[in-house]
Protein backbone atom coordinates (compact mmCIF):
# COMPACT_ATOMS: atom_id res chain seq x y z
CA MET A 1 -15.61 -23.87 -12.13
CA ILE A 2 -13.18 -21.04 -11.36
CA GLY A 3 -12.88 -20.18 -7.67
CA ASN A 4 -12.32 -16.85 -6.02
CA PRO A 5 -8.89 -15.54 -7.17
CA PHE A 6 -8.26 -14.11 -3.69
CA ASP A 7 -8.74 -17.41 -1.84
CA ARG A 8 -5.37 -18.88 -2.77
CA GLY A 9 -2.15 -17.25 -1.66
CA ASP A 10 0.01 -18.64 -4.45
CA GLY A 11 0.69 -16.91 -7.74
CA ARG A 12 1.44 -13.27 -8.41
CA TRP A 13 0.01 -10.24 -6.61
CA GLN A 14 0.11 -6.48 -6.76
CA VAL A 15 -0.69 -3.77 -4.24
CA VAL A 16 -3.24 -1.09 -5.05
CA VAL A 17 -3.87 2.18 -3.20
CA ASN A 18 -6.86 4.53 -3.27
CA ASP A 19 -6.93 8.30 -2.89
CA VAL A 20 -7.32 8.11 0.90
CA GLY A 21 -4.25 5.90 1.29
CA GLN A 22 -5.95 2.56 1.89
CA HIS A 23 -3.95 -0.39 0.53
CA ALA A 24 -5.17 -3.73 -0.81
CA LEU A 25 -3.70 -6.84 -2.38
CA TRP A 26 -4.97 -7.39 -5.91
CA ARG A 27 -4.47 -9.96 -8.64
CA PRO A 28 -2.60 -8.65 -11.71
CA PHE A 29 -4.99 -10.32 -14.16
CA LEU A 30 -8.00 -8.45 -12.74
CA GLU A 31 -8.95 -4.92 -13.75
CA VAL A 32 -7.98 -2.39 -11.10
CA PRO A 33 -11.13 -0.82 -9.66
CA THR A 34 -11.89 2.82 -10.37
CA GLY A 35 -10.23 5.07 -7.82
CA TRP A 36 -7.35 2.67 -7.14
CA ARG A 37 -3.85 2.59 -8.65
CA VAL A 38 -1.08 0.01 -8.63
CA VAL A 39 1.94 0.82 -6.45
CA LEU A 40 3.60 -2.62 -6.46
CA HIS A 41 3.60 -4.89 -9.49
CA ASP A 42 4.24 -8.61 -9.90
CA ALA A 43 5.12 -9.74 -6.38
CA ASP A 44 4.54 -12.93 -4.44
CA ARG A 45 1.98 -12.67 -1.63
CA ASP A 46 4.57 -12.34 1.14
CA ALA A 47 6.32 -9.46 -0.64
CA ALA A 48 2.98 -7.74 -1.28
CA LEU A 49 1.99 -8.06 2.38
CA ASP A 50 5.41 -6.77 3.44
CA TYR A 51 4.95 -3.72 1.18
CA VAL A 52 1.57 -2.99 2.77
CA GLU A 53 2.96 -3.35 6.30
CA ARG A 54 5.84 -0.97 5.54
CA ASN A 55 3.80 1.65 3.68
CA TRP A 56 0.29 1.70 5.16
CA ILE A 57 1.21 3.08 8.56
CA ASP A 58 -1.95 5.04 9.37
CA LEU A 59 -4.91 2.69 8.91
CA GLN A 60 -7.46 5.47 9.28
CA PRO A 61 -8.52 6.84 5.87
CA ALA A 62 -7.22 10.30 5.12
CA GLY A 63 -9.93 12.94 5.43
CA PRO A 64 -9.91 16.18 3.40
CA SER A 65 -7.36 17.80 5.72
CA LYS A 66 -5.26 14.64 5.88
CA ARG A 67 -5.12 13.69 2.17
CA ARG A 68 -1.67 13.28 0.81
CA GLU A 69 0.15 12.03 -2.22
CA VAL A 70 0.47 8.26 -1.78
CA ARG A 71 3.80 6.92 -3.00
């Protein structure tokens, strides 16, 4: 039986971002959900978390007046 791929911290990770600037860690072997795009590829979990901490400064989703291009 295959477990939840998000339960274990080992292996490779990527960071995905949606159009309102929310960030999430994602496994590279899983399809990226619609509305999300990869901004960091092939990282260990610590590096992925560090990326999120450095780049997701405003945790509140961007509303229509606040939407911006997410780098």
